[in-house]
Structure formats: structure tokens, C-alpha cells
Protein backbone atom coordinates (compact mmCIF):
# COMPACT_ATOMS: atom_id res chain seq x y z
CA MET A 1 -29.66 -57.28 -13.24
CA PRO A 2 -28.54 -53.67 -12.82
CA THR A 3 -25.87 -52.40 -15.11
CA THR A 4 -22.90 -50.36 -14.05
CA HIS A 5 -24.13 -47.68 -16.43
CA ASN A 6 -27.44 -47.34 -14.54
CA ILE A 7 -25.69 -47.16 -11.19
CA ASP A 8 -23.22 -44.59 -12.52
CA ASP A 9 -26.14 -42.49 -13.81
CA LEU A 10 -27.78 -42.59 -10.39
CA LYS A 11 -24.51 -41.65 -8.68
CA ALA A 12 -24.14 -38.71 -11.06
CA LYS A 13 -27.72 -37.63 -10.32
CA HIS A 14 -26.99 -37.89 -6.58
CA ALA A 15 -23.89 -35.69 -7.01
CA ASP A 16 -25.88 -33.15 -9.03
CA LEU A 17 -28.50 -32.96 -6.29
CA GLU A 18 -25.73 -32.47 -3.72
CA HIS A 19 -24.35 -29.55 -5.73
CA GLU A 20 -27.82 -28.01 -6.01
CA LEU A 21 -28.25 -28.41 -2.26
CA GLU A 22 -24.91 -26.73 -1.56
CA ALA A 23 -25.79 -23.88 -3.92
CA GLU A 24 -29.16 -23.34 -2.27
CA ASN A 25 -27.60 -23.39 1.20
CA SER A 26 -24.99 -20.81 0.17
CA ARG A 27 -27.64 -18.27 -0.94
CA PRO A 28 -28.28 -15.32 1.40
CA HIS A 29 -31.87 -16.48 2.00
CA PRO A 30 -32.08 -20.22 1.23
CA ASP A 31 -35.50 -21.63 0.38
CA ASP A 32 -36.28 -24.16 3.12
CA GLN A 33 -38.88 -25.94 0.97
CA ARG A 34 -36.41 -26.34 -1.91
CA ILE A 35 -33.79 -27.69 0.51
CA ALA A 36 -36.28 -30.24 1.86
CA ASP A 37 -37.24 -31.27 -1.69
CA LEU A 38 -33.61 -31.68 -2.73
CA LYS A 39 -32.84 -33.75 0.36
CA ARG A 40 -35.87 -35.95 -0.31
CA LYS A 41 -34.81 -36.49 -3.94
CA LYS A 42 -31.25 -37.21 -2.88
CA LEU A 43 -32.42 -39.82 -0.38
CA LYS A 44 -34.64 -41.46 -3.00
CA VAL A 45 -31.69 -41.74 -5.40
CA LYS A 46 -29.50 -43.12 -2.62
CA ASP A 47 -32.14 -45.75 -1.85
CA GLU A 48 -32.31 -46.69 -5.55
CA ILE A 49 -28.53 -47.12 -5.65
CA ALA A 50 -28.64 -49.30 -2.52
CA GLU A 51 -31.42 -51.43 -4.01
CA MET A 52 -29.50 -51.94 -7.26
CA THR A 53 -26.24 -52.86 -5.55
CA ARG A 54 -27.95 -55.25 -3.15
CA HIS A 55 -28.85 -57.67 -5.96
């Protein structure tokens, strides 16, 4: 059974990735590969959160 602490950690990680994504996008010459990696990581975390809350 997932704990609220684990879900909160994942939500914090998701928010951190969002901030990194915003920072990269605000650079004069954003790195497209880094943006794709951050989006992929963010989606993975979102899927983990959904899986934990489904049970």
C-alpha cells in the first residue's frame, strides 16, 4: 500500500522536473535533447503517481 509520504515525494520530484523544464525553455538556446529527457522523466513520475493512487 502506497504511503502519502511516497506520493508526496513523487509530486515534489514532478514539480522539480517542471521547474527544470521551465528554466531550460527560458534559456536563449534551449537544449532540445534535455527538454525531451525532462519531459520523459516527468511523464514517468506522473505515471508512477497514477499507479500509486489507483490502488
